[in-house]
Amino acid sequence: LVLIIASLTGIGQMQNSMTINQVYQCIDASADGSCPAGAPISPAAL
């Protein structure tokens, strides 16, 4: 219990922040951000 609480409270847990790191140009973007032909534009890009 002590080690788990120390890890989560004292150091923290990797979580998503509220800062945008990358905007994908389409919904079905690959891991590198590229879009297949004809893929609809993502809401964030629009």
All heavy atoms as atom14 arrays in JSON, in Angstrom:
{
  "sequence": "LVLIIASLTGIGQMQNSMTINQVYQCIDASADGSCPAGAPISPAAL",
  "atom14_mask": [
    [1, 1, 1, 1, 1, 1, 1, 1, 0, 0, 0, 0, 0, 0],
    [1, 1, 1, 1, 1, 1, 1, 0, 0, 0, 0, 0, 0, 0],
    [1, 1, 1, 1, 1, 1, 1, 1, 0, 0, 0, 0, 0, 0],
    [1, 1, 1, 1, 1, 1, 1, 1, 0, 0, 0, 0, 0, 0],
    [1, 1, 1, 1, 1, 1, 1, 1, 0, 0, 0, 0, 0, 0],
    [1, 1, 1, 1, 1, 0, 0, 0, 0, 0, 0, 0, 0, 0],
    [1, 1, 1, 1, 1, 1, 0, 0, 0, 0, 0, 0, 0, 0],
    [1, 1, 1, 1, 1, 1, 1, 1, 0, 0, 0, 0, 0, 0],
    [1, 1, 1, 1, 1, 1, 1, 0, 0, 0, 0, 0, 0, 0],
    [1, 1, 1, 1, 0, 0, 0, 0, 0, 0, 0, 0, 0, 0],
    [1, 1, 1, 1, 1, 1, 1, 1, 0, 0, 0, 0, 0, 0],
    [1, 1, 1, 1, 0, 0, 0, 0, 0, 0, 0, 0, 0, 0],
    [1, 1, 1, 1, 1, 1, 1, 1, 1, 0, 0, 0, 0, 0],
    [1, 1, 1, 1, 1, 1, 1, 1, 0, 0, 0, 0, 0, 0],
    [1, 1, 1, 1, 1, 1, 1, 1, 1, 0, 0, 0, 0, 0],
    [1, 1, 1, 1, 1, 1, 1, 1, 0, 0, 0, 0, 0, 0],
    [1, 1, 1, 1, 1, 1, 0, 0, 0, 0, 0, 0, 0, 0],
    [1, 1, 1, 1, 1, 1, 1, 1, 0, 0, 0, 0, 0, 0],
    [1, 1, 1, 1, 1, 1, 1, 0, 0, 0, 0, 0, 0, 0],
    [1, 1, 1, 1, 1, 1, 1, 1, 0, 0, 0, 0, 0, 0],
    [1, 1, 1, 1, 1, 1, 1, 1, 0, 0, 0, 0, 0, 0],
    [1, 1, 1, 1, 1, 1, 1, 1, 1, 0, 0, 0, 0, 0],
    [1, 1, 1, 1, 1, 1, 1, 0, 0, 0, 0, 0, 0, 0],
    [1, 1, 1, 1, 1, 1, 1, 1, 1, 1, 1, 1, 0, 0],
    [1, 1, 1, 1, 1, 1, 1, 1, 1, 0, 0, 0, 0, 0],
    [1, 1, 1, 1, 1, 1, 0, 0, 0, 0, 0, 0, 0, 0],
    [1, 1, 1, 1, 1, 1, 1, 1, 0, 0, 0, 0, 0, 0],
    [1, 1, 1, 1, 1, 1, 1, 1, 0, 0, 0, 0, 0, 0],
    [1, 1, 1, 1, 1, 0, 0, 0, 0, 0, 0, 0, 0, 0],
    [1, 1, 1, 1, 1, 1, 0, 0, 0, 0, 0, 0, 0, 0],
    [1, 1, 1, 1, 1, 0, 0, 0, 0, 0, 0, 0, 0, 0],
    [1, 1, 1, 1, 1, 1, 1, 1, 0, 0, 0, 0, 0, 0],
    [1, 1, 1, 1, 0, 0, 0, 0, 0, 0, 0, 0, 0, 0],
    [1, 1, 1, 1, 1, 1, 0, 0, 0, 0, 0, 0, 0, 0],
    [1, 1, 1, 1, 1, 1, 0, 0, 0, 0, 0, 0, 0, 0],
    [1, 1, 1, 1, 1, 1, 1, 0, 0, 0, 0, 0, 0, 0],
    [1, 1, 1, 1, 1, 0, 0, 0, 0, 0, 0, 0, 0, 0],
    [1, 1, 1, 1, 0, 0, 0, 0, 0, 0, 0, 0, 0, 0],
    [1, 1, 1, 1, 1, 0, 0, 0, 0, 0, 0, 0, 0, 0],
    [1, 1, 1, 1, 1, 1, 1, 0, 0, 0, 0, 0, 0, 0],
    [1, 1, 1, 1, 1, 1, 1, 1, 0, 0, 0, 0, 0, 0],
    [1, 1, 1, 1, 1, 1, 0, 0, 0, 0, 0, 0, 0, 0],
    [1, 1, 1, 1, 1, 1, 1, 0, 0, 0, 0, 0, 0, 0],
    [1, 1, 1, 1, 1, 0, 0, 0, 0, 0, 0, 0, 0, 0],
    [1, 1, 1, 1, 1, 0, 0, 0, 0, 0, 0, 0, 0, 0],
    [1, 1, 1, 1, 1, 1, 1, 1, 0, 0, 0, 0, 0, 0]
  ],
  "atom14_positions": [
    [[0.82, -1.2, 0.0], [0.0, 0.0, 0.0], [0.86, 1.26, 0.0], [0.6, 2.2, -0.75], [-0.92, 0.01, 1.22], [-2.04, -1.04, 1.3], [-2.93, -0.78, 2.5], [-2.88, -1.04, 0.03], [0.0, 0.0, 0.0], [0.0, 0.0, 0.0], [0.0, 0.0, 0.0], [0.0, 0.0, 0.0], [0.0, 0.0, 0.0], [0.0, 0.0, 0.0]],
    [[1.9, 1.27, 0.84], [2.77, 2.44, 0.96], [3.46, 2.73, -0.37], [3.51, 3.88, -0.83], [3.8, 2.25, 2.08], [4.87, 3.34, 2.02], [3.12, 2.26, 3.44], [0.0, 0.0, 0.0], [0.0, 0.0, 0.0], [0.0, 0.0, 0.0], [0.0, 0.0, 0.0], [0.0, 0.0, 0.0], [0.0, 0.0, 0.0], [0.0, 0.0, 0.0]],
    [[4.02, 1.7, -1.01], [4.74, 1.9, -2.27], [3.81, 2.37, -3.39], [4.17, 3.25, -4.18], [5.44, 0.61, -2.68], [6.64, 0.21, -1.82], [7.17, -1.16, -2.24], [7.75, 1.25, -1.91], [0.0, 0.0, 0.0], [0.0, 0.0, 0.0], [0.0, 0.0, 0.0], [0.0, 0.0, 0.0], [0.0, 0.0, 0.0], [0.0, 0.0, 0.0]],
    [[2.62, 1.79, -3.47], [1.68, 2.18, -4.52], [1.2, 3.61, -4.31], [1.16, 4.42, -5.25], [0.49, 1.2, -4.57], [0.97, -0.16, -5.1], [-0.62, 1.75, -5.46], [-0.09, -1.25, -5.06], [0.0, 0.0, 0.0], [0.0, 0.0, 0.0], [0.0, 0.0, 0.0], [0.0, 0.0, 0.0], [0.0, 0.0, 0.0], [0.0, 0.0, 0.0]],
    [[0.85, 3.94, -3.08], [0.4, 5.3, -2.79], [1.53, 6.3, -3.0], [1.31, 7.39, -3.55], [-0.15, 5.39, -1.35], [-1.45, 4.57, -1.24], [-0.42, 6.84, -0.96], [-1.98, 4.45, 0.18], [0.0, 0.0, 0.0], [0.0, 0.0, 0.0], [0.0, 0.0, 0.0], [0.0, 0.0, 0.0], [0.0, 0.0, 0.0], [0.0, 0.0, 0.0]],
    [[2.75, 5.94, -2.6], [3.9, 6.82, -2.81], [4.14, 7.06, -4.29], [4.47, 8.17, -4.72], [5.14, 6.23, -2.16], [0.0, 0.0, 0.0], [0.0, 0.0, 0.0], [0.0, 0.0, 0.0], [0.0, 0.0, 0.0], [0.0, 0.0, 0.0], [0.0, 0.0, 0.0], [0.0, 0.0, 0.0], [0.0, 0.0, 0.0], [0.0, 0.0, 0.0]],
    [[3.98, 6.01, -5.1], [4.18, 6.13, -6.54], [3.14, 7.05, -7.17], [3.48, 7.96, -7.92], [4.12, 4.75, -7.2], [4.11, 4.85, -8.61], [0.0, 0.0, 0.0], [0.0, 0.0, 0.0], [0.0, 0.0, 0.0], [0.0, 0.0, 0.0], [0.0, 0.0, 0.0], [0.0, 0.0, 0.0], [0.0, 0.0, 0.0], [0.0, 0.0, 0.0]],
    [[1.86, 6.8, -6.83], [0.78, 7.54, -7.48], [0.64, 8.96, -6.95], [0.36, 9.9, -7.7], [-0.54, 6.78, -7.3], [-0.63, 5.41, -7.95], [-1.97, 4.75, -7.64], [-0.43, 5.49, -9.46], [0.0, 0.0, 0.0], [0.0, 0.0, 0.0], [0.0, 0.0, 0.0], [0.0, 0.0, 0.0], [0.0, 0.0, 0.0], [0.0, 0.0, 0.0]],
    [[0.83, 9.12, -5.63], [0.65, 10.44, -5.03], [1.94, 11.26, -5.03], [1.92, 12.46, -5.33], [0.13, 10.29, -3.59], [-1.11, 9.57, -3.6], [-0.11, 11.66, -2.95], [0.0, 0.0, 0.0], [0.0, 0.0, 0.0], [0.0, 0.0, 0.0], [0.0, 0.0, 0.0], [0.0, 0.0, 0.0], [0.0, 0.0, 0.0], [0.0, 0.0, 0.0]],
    [[3.05, 10.59, -4.67], [4.32, 11.32, -4.57], [4.95, 11.65, -5.91], [5.55, 12.72, -6.08], [0.0, 0.0, 0.0], [0.0, 0.0, 0.0], [0.0, 0.0, 0.0], [0.0, 0.0, 0.0], [0.0, 0.0, 0.0], [0.0, 0.0, 0.0], [0.0, 0.0, 0.0], [0.0, 0.0, 0.0], [0.0, 0.0, 0.0], [0.0, 0.0, 0.0]],
    [[4.84, 10.73, -6.87], [5.43, 10.96, -8.2], [4.35, 11.28, -9.22], [4.44, 12.25, -9.96], [6.25, 9.74, -8.65], [7.36, 9.45, -7.64], [6.85, 9.99, -10.03], [8.18, 8.21, -7.95], [0.0, 0.0, 0.0], [0.0, 0.0, 0.0], [0.0, 0.0, 0.0], [0.0, 0.0, 0.0], [0.0, 0.0, 0.0], [0.0, 0.0, 0.0]],
    [[3.32, 10.47, -9.24], [2.22, 10.71, -10.17], [2.05, 9.59, -11.17], [2.83, 8.64, -11.24], [0.0, 0.0, 0.0], [0.0, 0.0, 0.0], [0.0, 0.0, 0.0], [0.0, 0.0, 0.0], [0.0, 0.0, 0.0], [0.0, 0.0, 0.0], [0.0, 0.0, 0.0], [0.0, 0.0, 0.0], [0.0, 0.0, 0.0], [0.0, 0.0, 0.0]],
    [[1.02, 9.72, -11.95], [0.67, 8.73, -12.96], [0.66, 9.41, -14.33], [0.21, 10.54, -14.46], [-0.7, 8.13, -12.65], [-1.11, 6.95, -13.5], [-2.44, 6.4, -13.05], [-3.38, 7.13, -12.73], [-2.57, 5.08, -13.01], [0.0, 0.0, 0.0], [0.0, 0.0, 0.0], [0.0, 0.0, 0.0], [0.0, 0.0, 0.0], [0.0, 0.0, 0.0]],
    [[1.19, 8.7, -15.31], [1.19, 9.25, -16.66], [-0.26, 9.39, -17.16], [-0.97, 8.39, -17.29], [1.99, 8.37, -17.6], [2.31, 9.0, -18.91], [3.33, 10.5, -18.8], [4.89, 9.79, -18.55], [0.0, 0.0, 0.0], [0.0, 0.0, 0.0], [0.0, 0.0, 0.0], [0.0, 0.0, 0.0], [0.0, 0.0, 0.0], [0.0, 0.0, 0.0]],
    [[-0.68, 10.62, -17.39], [-2.03, 10.89, -17.83], [-2.0, 11.9, -18.97], [-1.02, 12.62, -19.18], [-2.87, 11.45, -16.68], [-3.01, 10.52, -15.49], [-3.79, 11.15, -14.36], [-4.35, 12.23, -14.51], [-3.84, 10.51, -13.22], [0.0, 0.0, 0.0], [0.0, 0.0, 0.0], [0.0, 0.0, 0.0], [0.0, 0.0, 0.0], [0.0, 0.0, 0.0]],
    [[-3.11, 11.92, -19.68], [-3.24, 12.93, -20.72], [-3.45, 14.3, -20.09], [-4.27, 14.47, -19.19], [-4.42, 12.61, -21.64], [-4.11, 11.45, -22.56], [-2.98, 11.27, -23.0], [-5.13, 10.65, -22.87], [0.0, 0.0, 0.0], [0.0, 0.0, 0.0], [0.0, 0.0, 0.0], [0.0, 0.0, 0.0], [0.0, 0.0, 0.0], [0.0, 0.0, 0.0]],
    [[-2.7, 15.28, -20.57], [-2.91, 16.66, -20.14], [-4.04, 17.26, -20.97], [-4.67, 16.59, -21.77], [-1.62, 17.45, -20.3], [-1.31, 17.63, -21.69], [0.0, 0.0, 0.0], [0.0, 0.0, 0.0], [0.0, 0.0, 0.0], [0.0, 0.0, 0.0], [0.0, 0.0, 0.0], [0.0, 0.0, 0.0], [0.0, 0.0, 0.0], [0.0, 0.0, 0.0]],
    [[-4.29, 18.53, -20.8], [-5.29, 19.22, -21.59], [-4.67, 19.96, -22.77], [-5.34, 20.73, -23.46], [-6.07, 20.19, -20.71], [-6.8, 19.53, -19.55], [-8.0, 18.3, -20.13], [-9.27, 19.37, -20.82], [0.0, 0.0, 0.0], [0.0, 0.0, 0.0], [0.0, 0.0, 0.0], [0.0, 0.0, 0.0], [0.0, 0.0, 0.0], [0.0, 0.0, 0.0]],
    [[-3.39, 19.7, -23.01], [-2.67, 20.36, -24.1], [-2.61, 19.45, -25.32], [-2.28, 18.27, -25.21], [-1.25, 20.73, -23.65], [-1.31, 21.6, -22.51], [-0.5, 21.43, -24.78], [0.0, 0.0, 0.0], [0.0, 0.0, 0.0], [0.0, 0.0, 0.0], [0.0, 0.0, 0.0], [0.0, 0.0, 0.0], [0.0, 0.0, 0.0], [0.0, 0.0, 0.0]],
    [[-2.93, 20.01, -26.49], [-2.92, 19.25, -27.73], [-1.49, 19.06, -28.21], [-0.75, 20.03, -28.4], [-3.75, 19.96, -28.82], [-5.16, 20.28, -28.32], [-3.79, 19.1, -30.08], [-5.95, 19.07, -27.88], [0.0, 0.0, 0.0], [0.0, 0.0, 0.0], [0.0, 0.0, 0.0], [0.0, 0.0, 0.0], [0.0, 0.0, 0.0], [0.0, 0.0, 0.0]],
    [[-1.11, 17.81, -28.41], [0.23, 17.5, -28.91], [0.25, 17.39, -30.44], [1.21, 17.81, -31.09], [0.73, 16.2, -28.3], [2.17, 15.88, -28.67], [3.03, 16.74, -28.58], [2.44, 14.64, -29.09], [0.0, 0.0, 0.0], [0.0, 0.0, 0.0], [0.0, 0.0, 0.0], [0.0, 0.0, 0.0], [0.0, 0.0, 0.0], [0.0, 0.0, 0.0]],
    [[-0.83, 16.83, -31.0], [-0.91, 16.66, -32.45], [-2.37, 16.72, -32.89], [-3.25, 16.2, -32.2], [-0.29, 15.32, -32.88], [-0.27, 15.1, -34.39], [0.41, 13.79, -34.78], [0.92, 13.08, -33.92], [0.44, 13.46, -36.06], [0.0, 0.0, 0.0], [0.0, 0.0, 0.0], [0.0, 0.0, 0.0], [0.0, 0.0, 0.0], [0.0, 0.0, 0.0]],
    [[-2.61, 17.36, -34.0], [-3.94, 17.4, -34.6], [-3.92, 16.52, -35.84], [-3.17, 16.77, -36.79], [-4.35, 18.84, -34.99], [-5.71, 18.83, -35.69], [-4.38, 19.74, -33.76], [0.0, 0.0, 0.0], [0.0, 0.0, 0.0], [0.0, 0.0, 0.0], [0.0, 0.0, 0.0], [0.0, 0.0, 0.0], [0.0, 0.0, 0.0], [0.0, 0.0, 0.0]],
    [[-4.74, 15.45, -35.82], [-4.81, 14.56, -36.97], [-5.72, 15.18, -38.04], [-6.76, 15.75, -37.71], [-5.35, 13.19, -36.56], [-4.44, 12.44, -35.6], [-4.86, 12.17, -34.31], [-3.19, 12.03, -36.0], [-4.03, 11.48, -33.43], [-2.35, 11.34, -35.12], [-2.78, 11.08, -33.84], [-1.96, 10.4, -32.97], [0.0, 0.0, 0.0], [0.0, 0.0, 0.0]],
    [[-5.32, 15.05, -39.28], [-6.08, 15.64, -40.36], [-7.31, 14.82, -40.74], [-8.21, 15.3, -41.42], [-5.19, 15.83, -41.6], [-4.08, 16.85, -41.39], [-4.62, 18.21, -40.96], [-5.45, 18.81, -41.65], [-4.15, 18.72, -39.82], [0.0, 0.0, 0.0], [0.0, 0.0, 0.0], [0.0, 0.0, 0.0], [0.0, 0.0, 0.0], [0.0, 0.0, 0.0]],
    [[-7.35, 13.57, -40.28], [-8.5, 12.73, -40.54], [-8.73, 11.79, -39.36], [-7.85, 11.62, -38.52], [-8.33, 11.93, -41.84], [-6.92, 10.81, -41.8], [0.0, 0.0, 0.0], [0.0, 0.0, 0.0], [0.0, 0.0, 0.0], [0.0, 0.0, 0.0], [0.0, 0.0, 0.0], [0.0, 0.0, 0.0], [0.0, 0.0, 0.0], [0.0, 0.0, 0.0]],
    [[-9.91, 11.18, -39.33], [-10.26, 10.29, -38.24], [-9.45, 9.01, -38.27], [-9.0, 8.49, -37.24], [-11.77, 9.96, -38.27], [-12.58, 11.21, -37.95], [-12.11, 8.85, -37.27], [-12.39, 11.74, -36.55], [0.0, 0.0, 0.0], [0.0, 0.0, 0.0], [0.0, 0.0, 0.0], [0.0, 0.0, 0.0], [0.0, 0.0, 0.0], [0.0, 0.0, 0.0]],
    [[-9.23, 8.49, -39.44], [-8.56, 7.19, -39.6], [-7.06, 7.35, -39.85], [-6.46, 6.57, -40.58], [-9.2, 6.41, -40.75], [-10.66, 6.11, -40.5], [-11.0, 5.79, -39.34], [-11.47, 6.19, -41.44], [0.0, 0.0, 0.0], [0.0, 0.0, 0.0], [0.0, 0.0, 0.0], [0.0, 0.0, 0.0], [0.0, 0.0, 0.0], [0.0, 0.0, 0.0]],
    [[-6.46, 8.35, -39.26], [-5.04, 8.58, -39.47], [-4.21, 7.44, -38.9], [-4.57, 6.82, -37.89], [-4.61, 9.89, -38.82], [0.0, 0.0, 0.0], [0.0, 0.0, 0.0], [0.0, 0.0, 0.0], [0.0, 0.0, 0.0], [0.0, 0.0, 0.0], [0.0, 0.0, 0.0], [0.0, 0.0, 0.0], [0.0, 0.0, 0.0], [0.0, 0.0, 0.0]],
    [[-3.09, 7.13, -39.56], [-2.18, 6.1, -39.08], [-1.33, 6.66, -37.94], [-1.46, 7.82, -37.56], [-1.29, 5.62, -40.22], [-0.54, 6.69, -40.76], [0.0, 0.0, 0.0], [0.0, 0.0, 0.0], [0.0, 0.0, 0.0], [0.0, 0.0, 0.0], [0.0, 0.0, 0.0], [0.0, 0.0, 0.0], [0.0, 0.0, 0.0], [0.0, 0.0, 0.0]],
    [[-0.47, 5.79, -37.39], [0.33, 6.2, -36.25], [1.22, 7.41, -36.55], [1.49, 8.23, -35.67], [1.19, 5.03, -35.76], [0.0, 0.0, 0.0], [0.0, 0.0, 0.0], [0.0, 0.0, 0.0], [0.0, 0.0, 0.0], [0.0, 0.0, 0.0], [0.0, 0.0, 0.0], [0.0, 0.0, 0.0], [0.0, 0.0, 0.0], [0.0, 0.0, 0.0]],
    [[1.67, 7.53, -37.81], [2.54, 8.67, -38.17], [1.74, 9.91, -38.58], [2.32, 10.93, -38.97], [3.5, 8.27, -39.29], [2.78, 7.85, -40.58], [1.52, 7.87, -40.62], [3.47, 7.48, -41.55], [0.0, 0.0, 0.0], [0.0, 0.0, 0.0], [0.0, 0.0, 0.0], [0.0, 0.0, 0.0], [0.0, 0.0, 0.0], [0.0, 0.0, 0.0]],
    [[0.4, 9.83, -38.48], [-0.44, 10.98, -38.8], [-0.9, 11.06, -40.24], [-1.7, 11.95, -40.57], [0.0, 0.0, 0.0], [0.0, 0.0, 0.0], [0.0, 0.0, 0.0], [0.0, 0.0, 0.0], [0.0, 0.0, 0.0], [0.0, 0.0, 0.0], [0.0, 0.0, 0.0], [0.0, 0.0, 0.0], [0.0, 0.0, 0.0], [0.0, 0.0, 0.0]],
    [[-0.46, 10.16, -41.12], [-0.87, 10.21, -42.52], [-2.3, 9.69, -42.68], [-2.77, 8.88, -41.89], [0.09, 9.37, -43.37], [0.1, 8.02, -42.94], [0.0, 0.0, 0.0], [0.0, 0.0, 0.0], [0.0, 0.0, 0.0], [0.0, 0.0, 0.0], [0.0, 0.0, 0.0], [0.0, 0.0, 0.0], [0.0, 0.0, 0.0], [0.0, 0.0, 0.0]],
    [[-2.97, 10.17, -43.72], [-4.37, 9.83, -43.95], [-4.53, 9.01, -45.22], [-3.89, 9.31, -46.24], [-5.22, 11.09, -44.06], [-5.3, 12.08, -42.54], [0.0, 0.0, 0.0], [0.0, 0.0, 0.0], [0.0, 0.0, 0.0], [0.0, 0.0, 0.0], [0.0, 0.0, 0.0], [0.0, 0.0, 0.0], [0.0, 0.0, 0.0], [0.0, 0.0, 0.0]],
    [[-5.38, 7.97, -45.18], [-5.66, 7.23, -46.4], [-6.47, 8.09, -47.37], [-7.11, 9.07, -46.97], [-6.47, 6.04, -45.9], [-7.07, 6.47, -44.6], [-6.08, 7.43, -44.01], [0.0, 0.0, 0.0], [0.0, 0.0, 0.0], [0.0, 0.0, 0.0], [0.0, 0.0, 0.0], [0.0, 0.0, 0.0], [0.0, 0.0, 0.0], [0.0, 0.0, 0.0]],
    [[-6.43, 7.72, -48.62], [-7.15, 8.48, -49.65], [-8.64, 8.47, -49.36], [-9.23, 7.44, -49.06], [-6.87, 7.88, -51.03], [0.0, 0.0, 0.0], [0.0, 0.0, 0.0], [0.0, 0.0, 0.0], [0.0, 0.0, 0.0], [0.0, 0.0, 0.0], [0.0, 0.0, 0.0], [0.0, 0.0, 0.0], [0.0, 0.0, 0.0], [0.0, 0.0, 0.0]],
    [[-9.24, 9.65, -49.48], [-10.69, 9.77, -49.3], [-11.15, 9.8, -47.86], [-12.36, 9.85, -47.6], [0.0, 0.0, 0.0], [0.0, 0.0, 0.0], [0.0, 0.0, 0.0], [0.0, 0.0, 0.0], [0.0, 0.0, 0.0], [0.0, 0.0, 0.0], [0.0, 0.0, 0.0], [0.0, 0.0, 0.0], [0.0, 0.0, 0.0], [0.0, 0.0, 0.0]],
    [[-10.23, 9.79, -46.88], [-10.62, 9.82, -45.47], [-11.22, 11.17, -45.13], [-10.71, 12.21, -45.55], [-9.42, 9.54, -44.58], [0.0, 0.0, 0.0], [0.0, 0.0, 0.0], [0.0, 0.0, 0.0], [0.0, 0.0, 0.0], [0.0, 0.0, 0.0], [0.0, 0.0, 0.0], [0.0, 0.0, 0.0], [0.0, 0.0, 0.0], [0.0, 0.0, 0.0]],
    [[-12.31, 11.18, -44.38], [-12.93, 12.46, -44.02], [-12.04, 13.26, -43.07], [-11.3, 12.71, -42.27], [-14.23, 12.03, -43.31], [-13.96, 10.63, -42.82], [-13.04, 10.02, -43.83], [0.0, 0.0, 0.0], [0.0, 0.0, 0.0], [0.0, 0.0, 0.0], [0.0, 0.0, 0.0], [0.0, 0.0, 0.0], [0.0, 0.0, 0.0], [0.0, 0.0, 0.0]],
    [[-12.12, 14.59, -43.19], [-11.32, 15.47, -42.34], [-11.8, 15.36, -40.89], [-13.0, 15.26, -40.62], [-11.42, 16.93, -42.84], [-10.92, 17.03, -44.28], [-10.61, 17.87, -41.96], [-11.1, 18.4, -44.89], [0.0, 0.0, 0.0], [0.0, 0.0, 0.0], [0.0, 0.0, 0.0], [0.0, 0.0, 0.0], [0.0, 0.0, 0.0], [0.0, 0.0, 0.0]],
    [[-10.87, 15.38, -39.97], [-11.21, 15.24, -38.55], [-11.91, 16.49, -38.03], [-11.69, 17.6, -38.54], [-9.95, 14.98, -37.73], [-9.16, 16.15, -37.62], [0.0, 0.0, 0.0], [0.0, 0.0, 0.0], [0.0, 0.0, 0.0], [0.0, 0.0, 0.0], [0.0, 0.0, 0.0], [0.0, 0.0, 0.0], [0.0, 0.0, 0.0], [0.0, 0.0, 0.0]],
    [[-12.77, 16.32, -37.01], [-13.44, 17.48, -36.42], [-12.44, 18.52, -35.9], [-12.69, 19.72, -35.98], [-14.26, 16.87, -35.28], [-14.53, 15.46, -35.73], [-13.3, 15.05, -36.46], [0.0, 0.0, 0.0], [0.0, 0.0, 0.0], [0.0, 0.0, 0.0], [0.0, 0.0, 0.0], [0.0, 0.0, 0.0], [0.0, 0.0, 0.0], [0.0, 0.0, 0.0]],
    [[-11.32, 18.08, -35.32], [-10.33, 19.02, -34.78], [-9.71, 19.87, -35.88], [-9.51, 21.08, -35.72], [-9.24, 18.26, -34.03], [0.0, 0.0, 0.0], [0.0, 0.0, 0.0], [0.0, 0.0, 0.0], [0.0, 0.0, 0.0], [0.0, 0.0, 0.0], [0.0, 0.0, 0.0], [0.0, 0.0, 0.0], [0.0, 0.0, 0.0], [0.0, 0.0, 0.0]],
    [[-9.4, 19.22, -37.03], [-8.83, 19.96, -38.15], [-9.85, 20.96, -38.72], [-9.51, 22.09, -39.05], [-8.35, 19.0, -39.22], [0.0, 0.0, 0.0], [0.0, 0.0, 0.0], [0.0, 0.0, 0.0], [0.0, 0.0, 0.0], [0.0, 0.0, 0.0], [0.0, 0.0, 0.0], [0.0, 0.0, 0.0], [0.0, 0.0, 0.0], [0.0, 0.0, 0.0]],
    [[-11.11, 20.52, -38.82], [-12.15, 21.41, -39.32], [-12.36, 22.6, -38.39], [-12.65, 23.71, -38.84], [-13.47, 20.63, -39.48], [-13.56, 19.67, -40.66], [-14.84, 18.84, -40.57], [-13.53, 20.44, -41.99], [0.0, 0.0, 0.0], [0.0, 0.0, 0.0], [0.0, 0.0, 0.0], [0.0, 0.0, 0.0], [0.0, 0.0, 0.0], [0.0, 0.0, 0.0]]
  ]
}
